[in-house]
All heavy atoms as atom14 arrays in JSON, in Angstrom:
{
  "sequence": "KIAAERNCRTYTSFEDVIADGEVDLVVLATPNVTHCDLAIRAMDA",
  "atom14_mask": [
    [1, 1, 1, 1, 1, 1, 1, 1, 1, 0, 0, 0, 0, 0],
    [1, 1, 1, 1, 1, 1, 1, 1, 0, 0, 0, 0, 0, 0],
    [1, 1, 1, 1, 1, 0, 0, 0, 0, 0, 0, 0, 0, 0],
    [1, 1, 1, 1, 1, 0, 0, 0, 0, 0, 0, 0, 0, 0],
    [1, 1, 1, 1, 1, 1, 1, 1, 1, 0, 0, 0, 0, 0],
    [1, 1, 1, 1, 1, 1, 1, 1, 1, 1, 1, 0, 0, 0],
    [1, 1, 1, 1, 1, 1, 1, 1, 0, 0, 0, 0, 0, 0],
    [1, 1, 1, 1, 1, 1, 0, 0, 0, 0, 0, 0, 0, 0],
    [1, 1, 1, 1, 1, 1, 1, 1, 1, 1, 1, 0, 0, 0],
    [1, 1, 1, 1, 1, 1, 1, 0, 0, 0, 0, 0, 0, 0],
    [1, 1, 1, 1, 1, 1, 1, 1, 1, 1, 1, 1, 0, 0],
    [1, 1, 1, 1, 1, 1, 1, 0, 0, 0, 0, 0, 0, 0],
    [1, 1, 1, 1, 1, 1, 0, 0, 0, 0, 0, 0, 0, 0],
    [1, 1, 1, 1, 1, 1, 1, 1, 1, 1, 1, 0, 0, 0],
    [1, 1, 1, 1, 1, 1, 1, 1, 1, 0, 0, 0, 0, 0],
    [1, 1, 1, 1, 1, 1, 1, 1, 0, 0, 0, 0, 0, 0],
    [1, 1, 1, 1, 1, 1, 1, 0, 0, 0, 0, 0, 0, 0],
    [1, 1, 1, 1, 1, 1, 1, 1, 0, 0, 0, 0, 0, 0],
    [1, 1, 1, 1, 1, 0, 0, 0, 0, 0, 0, 0, 0, 0],
    [1, 1, 1, 1, 1, 1, 1, 1, 0, 0, 0, 0, 0, 0],
    [1, 1, 1, 1, 0, 0, 0, 0, 0, 0, 0, 0, 0, 0],
    [1, 1, 1, 1, 1, 1, 1, 1, 1, 0, 0, 0, 0, 0],
    [1, 1, 1, 1, 1, 1, 1, 0, 0, 0, 0, 0, 0, 0],
    [1, 1, 1, 1, 1, 1, 1, 1, 0, 0, 0, 0, 0, 0],
    [1, 1, 1, 1, 1, 1, 1, 1, 0, 0, 0, 0, 0, 0],
    [1, 1, 1, 1, 1, 1, 1, 0, 0, 0, 0, 0, 0, 0],
    [1, 1, 1, 1, 1, 1, 1, 0, 0, 0, 0, 0, 0, 0],
    [1, 1, 1, 1, 1, 1, 1, 1, 0, 0, 0, 0, 0, 0],
    [1, 1, 1, 1, 1, 0, 0, 0, 0, 0, 0, 0, 0, 0],
    [1, 1, 1, 1, 1, 1, 1, 0, 0, 0, 0, 0, 0, 0],
    [1, 1, 1, 1, 1, 1, 1, 0, 0, 0, 0, 0, 0, 0],
    [1, 1, 1, 1, 1, 1, 1, 1, 0, 0, 0, 0, 0, 0],
    [1, 1, 1, 1, 1, 1, 1, 0, 0, 0, 0, 0, 0, 0],
    [1, 1, 1, 1, 1, 1, 1, 0, 0, 0, 0, 0, 0, 0],
    [1, 1, 1, 1, 1, 1, 1, 1, 1, 1, 0, 0, 0, 0],
    [1, 1, 1, 1, 1, 1, 0, 0, 0, 0, 0, 0, 0, 0],
    [1, 1, 1, 1, 1, 1, 1, 1, 0, 0, 0, 0, 0, 0],
    [1, 1, 1, 1, 1, 1, 1, 1, 0, 0, 0, 0, 0, 0],
    [1, 1, 1, 1, 1, 0, 0, 0, 0, 0, 0, 0, 0, 0],
    [1, 1, 1, 1, 1, 1, 1, 1, 0, 0, 0, 0, 0, 0],
    [1, 1, 1, 1, 1, 1, 1, 1, 1, 1, 1, 0, 0, 0],
    [1, 1, 1, 1, 1, 0, 0, 0, 0, 0, 0, 0, 0, 0],
    [1, 1, 1, 1, 1, 1, 1, 1, 0, 0, 0, 0, 0, 0],
    [1, 1, 1, 1, 1, 1, 1, 1, 0, 0, 0, 0, 0, 0],
    [1, 1, 1, 1, 1, 0, 0, 0, 0, 0, 0, 0, 0, 0]
  ],
  "atom14_positions": [
    [[118.2, -48.43, 125.25], [118.37, -49.18, 124.04], [117.16, -50.06, 123.72], [116.74, -50.18, 122.56], [119.62, -50.08, 124.3], [120.04, -50.78, 123.05], [121.36, -51.62, 123.46], [121.83, -52.42, 122.24], [123.07, -53.18, 122.55], [0.0, 0.0, 0.0], [0.0, 0.0, 0.0], [0.0, 0.0, 0.0], [0.0, 0.0, 0.0], [0.0, 0.0, 0.0]],
    [[116.57, -50.7, 124.79], [115.39, -51.54, 124.49], [114.16, -50.73, 123.92], [113.58, -51.13, 122.92], [114.9, -52.13, 125.88], [115.94, -53.18, 126.38], [113.44, -52.78, 125.71], [115.7, -53.69, 127.75], [0.0, 0.0, 0.0], [0.0, 0.0, 0.0], [0.0, 0.0, 0.0], [0.0, 0.0, 0.0], [0.0, 0.0, 0.0], [0.0, 0.0, 0.0]],
    [[113.95, -49.55, 124.55], [112.83, -48.72, 123.89], [113.08, -48.39, 122.47], [112.08, -48.41, 121.7], [112.64, -47.48, 124.87], [0.0, 0.0, 0.0], [0.0, 0.0, 0.0], [0.0, 0.0, 0.0], [0.0, 0.0, 0.0], [0.0, 0.0, 0.0], [0.0, 0.0, 0.0], [0.0, 0.0, 0.0], [0.0, 0.0, 0.0], [0.0, 0.0, 0.0]],
    [[114.28, -48.1, 122.17], [114.66, -47.65, 120.86], [114.58, -48.85, 119.88], [114.04, -48.71, 118.66], [115.98, -47.04, 120.77], [0.0, 0.0, 0.0], [0.0, 0.0, 0.0], [0.0, 0.0, 0.0], [0.0, 0.0, 0.0], [0.0, 0.0, 0.0], [0.0, 0.0, 0.0], [0.0, 0.0, 0.0], [0.0, 0.0, 0.0], [0.0, 0.0, 0.0]],
    [[115.18, -49.91, 120.25], [115.21, -51.22, 119.35], [113.9, -51.96, 119.31], [113.61, -52.63, 118.24], [116.29, -52.09, 119.73], [117.69, -51.47, 119.62], [118.83, -52.38, 120.07], [118.48, -53.4, 120.74], [119.98, -52.12, 119.96], [0.0, 0.0, 0.0], [0.0, 0.0, 0.0], [0.0, 0.0, 0.0], [0.0, 0.0, 0.0], [0.0, 0.0, 0.0]],
    [[113.19, -52.07, 120.41], [111.95, -53.05, 120.44], [110.65, -52.29, 120.61], [109.63, -52.91, 120.43], [112.18, -53.98, 121.52], [113.36, -54.93, 121.33], [113.35, -55.75, 120.12], [114.37, -56.65, 120.0], [114.97, -57.08, 118.87], [114.49, -56.49, 117.76], [116.03, -57.84, 118.89], [0.0, 0.0, 0.0], [0.0, 0.0, 0.0], [0.0, 0.0, 0.0]],
    [[110.7, -50.99, 120.89], [109.56, -50.18, 121.08], [108.44, -50.82, 121.89], [107.36, -50.98, 121.6], [108.87, -49.9, 119.64], [107.75, -48.95, 119.65], [107.83, -48.01, 120.45], [106.8, -49.03, 118.84], [0.0, 0.0, 0.0], [0.0, 0.0, 0.0], [0.0, 0.0, 0.0], [0.0, 0.0, 0.0], [0.0, 0.0, 0.0], [0.0, 0.0, 0.0]],
    [[108.93, -51.18, 123.06], [108.07, -51.88, 124.12], [108.39, -51.33, 125.57], [109.24, -50.54, 125.67], [108.24, -53.31, 124.07], [109.96, -53.88, 124.66], [0.0, 0.0, 0.0], [0.0, 0.0, 0.0], [0.0, 0.0, 0.0], [0.0, 0.0, 0.0], [0.0, 0.0, 0.0], [0.0, 0.0, 0.0], [0.0, 0.0, 0.0], [0.0, 0.0, 0.0]],
    [[107.52, -51.75, 126.37], [107.73, -51.33, 127.82], [108.97, -51.76, 128.37], [109.54, -52.83, 127.98], [106.56, -51.78, 128.64], [106.46, -51.33, 130.07], [105.27, -51.76, 130.88], [104.03, -51.26, 130.2], [102.8, -51.55, 130.73], [102.79, -52.17, 131.89], [101.72, -51.08, 130.12], [0.0, 0.0, 0.0], [0.0, 0.0, 0.0], [0.0, 0.0, 0.0]],
    [[109.56, -51.11, 129.4], [110.76, -51.6, 130.03], [110.39, -51.72, 131.49], [109.56, -50.95, 132.02], [111.91, -50.73, 129.88], [111.65, -49.41, 130.38], [112.32, -50.62, 128.44], [0.0, 0.0, 0.0], [0.0, 0.0, 0.0], [0.0, 0.0, 0.0], [0.0, 0.0, 0.0], [0.0, 0.0, 0.0], [0.0, 0.0, 0.0], [0.0, 0.0, 0.0]],
    [[111.11, -52.75, 132.13], [110.84, -52.95, 133.64], [112.37, -52.97, 134.19], [113.3, -53.37, 133.61], [110.29, -54.28, 133.93], [108.85, -54.44, 133.42], [108.52, -54.75, 132.06], [107.86, -54.32, 134.26], [107.14, -54.92, 131.65], [106.44, -54.52, 133.91], [106.13, -54.74, 132.55], [104.86, -54.96, 132.11], [0.0, 0.0, 0.0], [0.0, 0.0, 0.0]],
    [[112.36, -52.52, 135.46], [113.63, -52.42, 136.15], [113.83, -53.75, 136.97], [114.99, -53.99, 137.37], [113.66, -51.27, 137.09], [112.57, -51.39, 138.09], [113.48, -49.99, 136.34], [0.0, 0.0, 0.0], [0.0, 0.0, 0.0], [0.0, 0.0, 0.0], [0.0, 0.0, 0.0], [0.0, 0.0, 0.0], [0.0, 0.0, 0.0], [0.0, 0.0, 0.0]],
    [[112.81, -54.52, 137.17], [113.02, -55.75, 138.08], [111.97, -56.86, 137.63], [110.9, -56.52, 137.12], [112.89, -55.33, 139.54], [111.49, -55.08, 139.78], [0.0, 0.0, 0.0], [0.0, 0.0, 0.0], [0.0, 0.0, 0.0], [0.0, 0.0, 0.0], [0.0, 0.0, 0.0], [0.0, 0.0, 0.0], [0.0, 0.0, 0.0], [0.0, 0.0, 0.0]],
    [[112.47, -58.06, 137.98], [111.56, -59.2, 137.85], [110.39, -59.1, 138.72], [109.34, -59.43, 138.31], [112.42, -60.43, 138.25], [111.68, -61.72, 138.26], [111.27, -62.47, 137.14], [111.26, -62.32, 139.55], [110.51, -63.61, 137.16], [110.49, -63.47, 139.57], [110.17, -64.09, 138.39], [0.0, 0.0, 0.0], [0.0, 0.0, 0.0], [0.0, 0.0, 0.0]],
    [[110.54, -58.56, 139.83], [109.4, -58.38, 140.9], [108.3, -57.51, 140.17], [107.11, -57.87, 140.44], [109.89, -57.77, 142.15], [110.67, -58.68, 143.04], [112.12, -58.93, 142.45], [112.61, -58.12, 141.74], [112.71, -59.93, 142.87], [0.0, 0.0, 0.0], [0.0, 0.0, 0.0], [0.0, 0.0, 0.0], [0.0, 0.0, 0.0], [0.0, 0.0, 0.0]],
    [[108.75, -56.5, 139.5], [107.75, -55.61, 138.83], [106.88, -56.36, 137.82], [105.75, -56.13, 137.65], [108.39, -54.39, 138.19], [108.88, -53.42, 139.18], [108.51, -53.54, 140.39], [109.82, -52.6, 138.83], [0.0, 0.0, 0.0], [0.0, 0.0, 0.0], [0.0, 0.0, 0.0], [0.0, 0.0, 0.0], [0.0, 0.0, 0.0], [0.0, 0.0, 0.0]],
    [[107.6, -57.23, 137.12], [106.94, -58.11, 136.05], [105.83, -59.0, 136.63], [104.7, -59.01, 136.16], [107.95, -58.88, 135.25], [107.21, -59.76, 134.23], [108.9, -57.9, 134.49], [0.0, 0.0, 0.0], [0.0, 0.0, 0.0], [0.0, 0.0, 0.0], [0.0, 0.0, 0.0], [0.0, 0.0, 0.0], [0.0, 0.0, 0.0], [0.0, 0.0, 0.0]],
    [[106.29, -59.72, 137.68], [105.22, -60.72, 138.21], [104.04, -60.02, 138.9], [103.1, -60.72, 139.22], [105.93, -61.8, 139.07], [106.59, -61.27, 140.29], [106.86, -62.67, 138.16], [107.23, -62.34, 141.19], [0.0, 0.0, 0.0], [0.0, 0.0, 0.0], [0.0, 0.0, 0.0], [0.0, 0.0, 0.0], [0.0, 0.0, 0.0], [0.0, 0.0, 0.0]],
    [[104.35, -58.82, 139.34], [103.27, -58.05, 140.02], [102.29, -57.37, 139.03], [101.33, -56.86, 139.46], [103.88, -57.05, 140.99], [0.0, 0.0, 0.0], [0.0, 0.0, 0.0], [0.0, 0.0, 0.0], [0.0, 0.0, 0.0], [0.0, 0.0, 0.0], [0.0, 0.0, 0.0], [0.0, 0.0, 0.0], [0.0, 0.0, 0.0], [0.0, 0.0, 0.0]],
    [[102.67, -57.41, 137.77], [101.86, -56.71, 136.71], [100.85, -57.6, 136.15], [101.07, -58.61, 135.52], [102.76, -56.3, 135.55], [102.08, -55.44, 134.54], [100.76, -55.43, 134.47], [102.9, -54.75, 133.71], [0.0, 0.0, 0.0], [0.0, 0.0, 0.0], [0.0, 0.0, 0.0], [0.0, 0.0, 0.0], [0.0, 0.0, 0.0], [0.0, 0.0, 0.0]],
    [[99.52, -57.24, 136.51], [98.42, -58.16, 136.1], [98.14, -58.26, 134.58], [97.48, -59.12, 134.19], [0.0, 0.0, 0.0], [0.0, 0.0, 0.0], [0.0, 0.0, 0.0], [0.0, 0.0, 0.0], [0.0, 0.0, 0.0], [0.0, 0.0, 0.0], [0.0, 0.0, 0.0], [0.0, 0.0, 0.0], [0.0, 0.0, 0.0], [0.0, 0.0, 0.0]],
    [[98.77, -57.41, 133.82], [98.69, -57.44, 132.33], [99.6, -58.55, 131.73], [99.29, -58.87, 130.57], [99.02, -56.05, 131.72], [98.17, -54.94, 132.03], [98.54, -53.72, 131.09], [98.12, -53.77, 129.97], [99.12, -52.75, 131.57], [0.0, 0.0, 0.0], [0.0, 0.0, 0.0], [0.0, 0.0, 0.0], [0.0, 0.0, 0.0], [0.0, 0.0, 0.0]],
    [[100.58, -58.96, 132.44], [101.61, -59.88, 131.91], [101.01, -61.33, 131.92], [100.6, -61.8, 132.95], [102.9, -59.72, 132.64], [103.89, -60.79, 132.11], [103.49, -58.37, 132.47], [0.0, 0.0, 0.0], [0.0, 0.0, 0.0], [0.0, 0.0, 0.0], [0.0, 0.0, 0.0], [0.0, 0.0, 0.0], [0.0, 0.0, 0.0], [0.0, 0.0, 0.0]],
    [[101.04, -61.98, 130.75], [100.62, -63.35, 130.66], [101.73, -64.29, 130.75], [101.69, -65.45, 131.23], [99.83, -63.54, 129.33], [98.55, -62.61, 129.3], [97.66, -62.79, 130.14], [98.52, -61.84, 128.42], [0.0, 0.0, 0.0], [0.0, 0.0, 0.0], [0.0, 0.0, 0.0], [0.0, 0.0, 0.0], [0.0, 0.0, 0.0], [0.0, 0.0, 0.0]],
    [[102.9, -63.98, 129.98], [103.92, -64.94, 129.79], [105.25, -64.23, 130.2], [105.59, -63.13, 129.79], [104.1, -65.24, 128.37], [105.21, -66.1, 127.89], [105.17, -67.47, 128.41], [105.3, -66.18, 126.32], [0.0, 0.0, 0.0], [0.0, 0.0, 0.0], [0.0, 0.0, 0.0], [0.0, 0.0, 0.0], [0.0, 0.0, 0.0], [0.0, 0.0, 0.0]],
    [[106.05, -65.02, 130.98], [107.44, -64.58, 131.35], [108.5, -65.37, 130.74], [108.4, -66.56, 130.83], [107.6, -64.55, 132.95], [108.94, -64.24, 133.38], [106.6, -63.66, 133.63], [0.0, 0.0, 0.0], [0.0, 0.0, 0.0], [0.0, 0.0, 0.0], [0.0, 0.0, 0.0], [0.0, 0.0, 0.0], [0.0, 0.0, 0.0], [0.0, 0.0, 0.0]],
    [[109.3, -64.82, 130.01], [110.38, -65.51, 129.32], [111.73, -65.18, 129.98], [112.14, -64.01, 130.14], [110.5, -65.05, 127.85], [111.55, -65.65, 127.12], [109.15, -65.3, 127.1], [0.0, 0.0, 0.0], [0.0, 0.0, 0.0], [0.0, 0.0, 0.0], [0.0, 0.0, 0.0], [0.0, 0.0, 0.0], [0.0, 0.0, 0.0], [0.0, 0.0, 0.0]],
    [[112.35, -66.28, 130.5], [113.58, -66.14, 131.21], [114.84, -66.23, 130.32], [115.27, -67.35, 129.99], [113.69, -67.18, 132.35], [112.63, -67.14, 133.32], [112.53, -68.18, 134.38], [112.47, -65.74, 134.04], [0.0, 0.0, 0.0], [0.0, 0.0, 0.0], [0.0, 0.0, 0.0], [0.0, 0.0, 0.0], [0.0, 0.0, 0.0], [0.0, 0.0, 0.0]],
    [[115.57, -65.15, 130.01], [116.77, -65.05, 129.34], [117.92, -64.68, 130.28], [118.53, -63.76, 129.97], [116.67, -64.1, 128.15], [0.0, 0.0, 0.0], [0.0, 0.0, 0.0], [0.0, 0.0, 0.0], [0.0, 0.0, 0.0], [0.0, 0.0, 0.0], [0.0, 0.0, 0.0], [0.0, 0.0, 0.0], [0.0, 0.0, 0.0], [0.0, 0.0, 0.0]],
    [[117.97, -65.41, 131.35], [118.83, -65.02, 132.44], [119.83, -66.19, 132.67], [119.66, -67.24, 132.02], [117.97, -64.96, 133.68], [117.25, -66.16, 133.95], [116.91, -63.78, 133.61], [0.0, 0.0, 0.0], [0.0, 0.0, 0.0], [0.0, 0.0, 0.0], [0.0, 0.0, 0.0], [0.0, 0.0, 0.0], [0.0, 0.0, 0.0], [0.0, 0.0, 0.0]],
    [[120.83, -66.02, 133.54], [121.8, -67.05, 133.79], [121.15, -68.4, 134.2], [120.1, -68.39, 134.92], [122.71, -66.54, 134.93], [122.67, -65.09, 134.61], [121.25, -64.72, 134.13], [0.0, 0.0, 0.0], [0.0, 0.0, 0.0], [0.0, 0.0, 0.0], [0.0, 0.0, 0.0], [0.0, 0.0, 0.0], [0.0, 0.0, 0.0], [0.0, 0.0, 0.0]],
    [[121.71, -69.48, 133.72], [121.11, -70.82, 133.95], [120.78, -71.01, 135.41], [119.71, -71.65, 135.73], [121.96, -71.94, 133.4], [122.12, -71.77, 131.98], [121.28, -71.15, 131.19], [123.26, -72.3, 131.39], [0.0, 0.0, 0.0], [0.0, 0.0, 0.0], [0.0, 0.0, 0.0], [0.0, 0.0, 0.0], [0.0, 0.0, 0.0], [0.0, 0.0, 0.0]],
    [[121.6, -70.6, 136.32], [121.4, -70.92, 137.67], [120.18, -70.26, 138.33], [119.63, -70.72, 139.41], [122.74, -70.59, 138.55], [122.83, -68.99, 138.68], [122.7, -71.09, 139.96], [0.0, 0.0, 0.0], [0.0, 0.0, 0.0], [0.0, 0.0, 0.0], [0.0, 0.0, 0.0], [0.0, 0.0, 0.0], [0.0, 0.0, 0.0], [0.0, 0.0, 0.0]],
    [[119.63, -69.29, 137.57], [118.44, -68.49, 138.04], [117.16, -69.11, 137.64], [116.04, -68.77, 138.13], [118.47, -67.04, 137.64], [118.3, -67.0, 136.27], [119.79, -66.41, 138.04], [0.0, 0.0, 0.0], [0.0, 0.0, 0.0], [0.0, 0.0, 0.0], [0.0, 0.0, 0.0], [0.0, 0.0, 0.0], [0.0, 0.0, 0.0], [0.0, 0.0, 0.0]],
    [[117.05, -70.09, 136.61], [115.9, -70.43, 136.0], [114.91, -70.99, 136.99], [113.63, -70.79, 136.83], [116.25, -71.46, 134.9], [116.91, -70.77, 133.68], [117.39, -71.54, 132.59], [117.17, -69.56, 133.45], [117.89, -70.79, 131.77], [117.79, -69.47, 132.25], [0.0, 0.0, 0.0], [0.0, 0.0, 0.0], [0.0, 0.0, 0.0], [0.0, 0.0, 0.0]],
    [[115.32, -72.03, 137.81], [114.41, -72.66, 138.57], [113.7, -71.72, 139.55], [112.46, -71.77, 139.64], [115.13, -73.82, 139.34], [114.06, -74.65, 140.63], [0.0, 0.0, 0.0], [0.0, 0.0, 0.0], [0.0, 0.0, 0.0], [0.0, 0.0, 0.0], [0.0, 0.0, 0.0], [0.0, 0.0, 0.0], [0.0, 0.0, 0.0], [0.0, 0.0, 0.0]],
    [[114.38, -70.92, 140.27], [113.8, -70.05, 141.36], [112.9, -68.94, 140.63], [111.71, -68.78, 141.11], [114.87, -69.26, 142.12], [114.31, -68.23, 143.05], [113.46, -68.64, 143.95], [114.53, -67.03, 142.88], [0.0, 0.0, 0.0], [0.0, 0.0, 0.0], [0.0, 0.0, 0.0], [0.0, 0.0, 0.0], [0.0, 0.0, 0.0], [0.0, 0.0, 0.0]],
    [[113.4, -68.43, 139.53], [112.55, -67.37, 138.82], [111.24, -67.93, 138.25], [110.23, -67.24, 138.24], [113.37, -66.66, 137.88], [114.54, -65.8, 138.34], [115.17, -65.07, 137.1], [114.07, -64.8, 139.41], [0.0, 0.0, 0.0], [0.0, 0.0, 0.0], [0.0, 0.0, 0.0], [0.0, 0.0, 0.0], [0.0, 0.0, 0.0], [0.0, 0.0, 0.0]],
    [[111.47, -69.05, 137.67], [110.33, -69.73, 136.94], [109.11, -70.2, 137.99], [108.07, -69.84, 137.83], [110.65, -71.05, 136.25], [0.0, 0.0, 0.0], [0.0, 0.0, 0.0], [0.0, 0.0, 0.0], [0.0, 0.0, 0.0], [0.0, 0.0, 0.0], [0.0, 0.0, 0.0], [0.0, 0.0, 0.0], [0.0, 0.0, 0.0], [0.0, 0.0, 0.0]],
    [[109.61, -70.65, 139.18], [108.63, -71.07, 140.26], [107.96, -69.76, 140.79], [106.67, -69.74, 140.92], [109.32, -71.77, 141.28], [109.69, -73.23, 140.74], [108.37, -71.99, 142.52], [110.48, -74.08, 141.69], [0.0, 0.0, 0.0], [0.0, 0.0, 0.0], [0.0, 0.0, 0.0], [0.0, 0.0, 0.0], [0.0, 0.0, 0.0], [0.0, 0.0, 0.0]],
    [[108.7, -68.71, 140.95], [108.03, -67.49, 141.35], [107.05, -67.02, 140.39], [106.0, -66.35, 140.8], [109.22, -66.47, 141.83], [110.03, -66.82, 143.02], [111.19, -65.95, 143.18], [110.81, -64.57, 143.29], [111.74, -63.5, 143.28], [113.08, -63.86, 142.97], [111.43, -62.32, 143.37], [0.0, 0.0, 0.0], [0.0, 0.0, 0.0], [0.0, 0.0, 0.0]],
    [[107.44, -66.91, 139.16], [106.46, -66.47, 138.17], [105.22, -67.31, 138.08], [104.21, -66.84, 137.91], [107.25, -66.34, 136.79], [0.0, 0.0, 0.0], [0.0, 0.0, 0.0], [0.0, 0.0, 0.0], [0.0, 0.0, 0.0], [0.0, 0.0, 0.0], [0.0, 0.0, 0.0], [0.0, 0.0, 0.0], [0.0, 0.0, 0.0], [0.0, 0.0, 0.0]],
    [[105.46, -68.67, 138.05], [104.2, -69.61, 137.96], [103.42, -69.39, 139.19], [102.17, -69.45, 139.11], [104.78, -70.94, 137.77], [105.3, -71.21, 136.41], [105.76, -72.94, 135.95], [107.25, -73.17, 136.88], [0.0, 0.0, 0.0], [0.0, 0.0, 0.0], [0.0, 0.0, 0.0], [0.0, 0.0, 0.0], [0.0, 0.0, 0.0], [0.0, 0.0, 0.0]],
    [[103.98, -69.27, 140.46], [103.18, -69.07, 141.68], [102.44, -67.71, 141.55], [101.49, -67.48, 142.36], [104.13, -69.06, 142.9], [104.51, -70.57, 143.18], [103.83, -71.47, 142.72], [105.47, -70.7, 144.06], [0.0, 0.0, 0.0], [0.0, 0.0, 0.0], [0.0, 0.0, 0.0], [0.0, 0.0, 0.0], [0.0, 0.0, 0.0], [0.0, 0.0, 0.0]],
    [[102.92, -66.81, 140.6], [102.11, -65.51, 140.49], [101.11, -65.67, 139.41], [100.54, -64.6, 139.07], [103.17, -64.37, 140.25], [0.0, 0.0, 0.0], [0.0, 0.0, 0.0], [0.0, 0.0, 0.0], [0.0, 0.0, 0.0], [0.0, 0.0, 0.0], [0.0, 0.0, 0.0], [0.0, 0.0, 0.0], [0.0, 0.0, 0.0], [0.0, 0.0, 0.0]]
  ]
}
């Protein structure tokens, strides 16, 4: 659905995103309880 609606790359996991050297900005549209941990992991990457 993402590929059809947004015409962009898809990822299966957060880990794949923070390991991708092309990615500059990570946007967290995830449950509120996850924001702190995911944000810190992304920033540390």
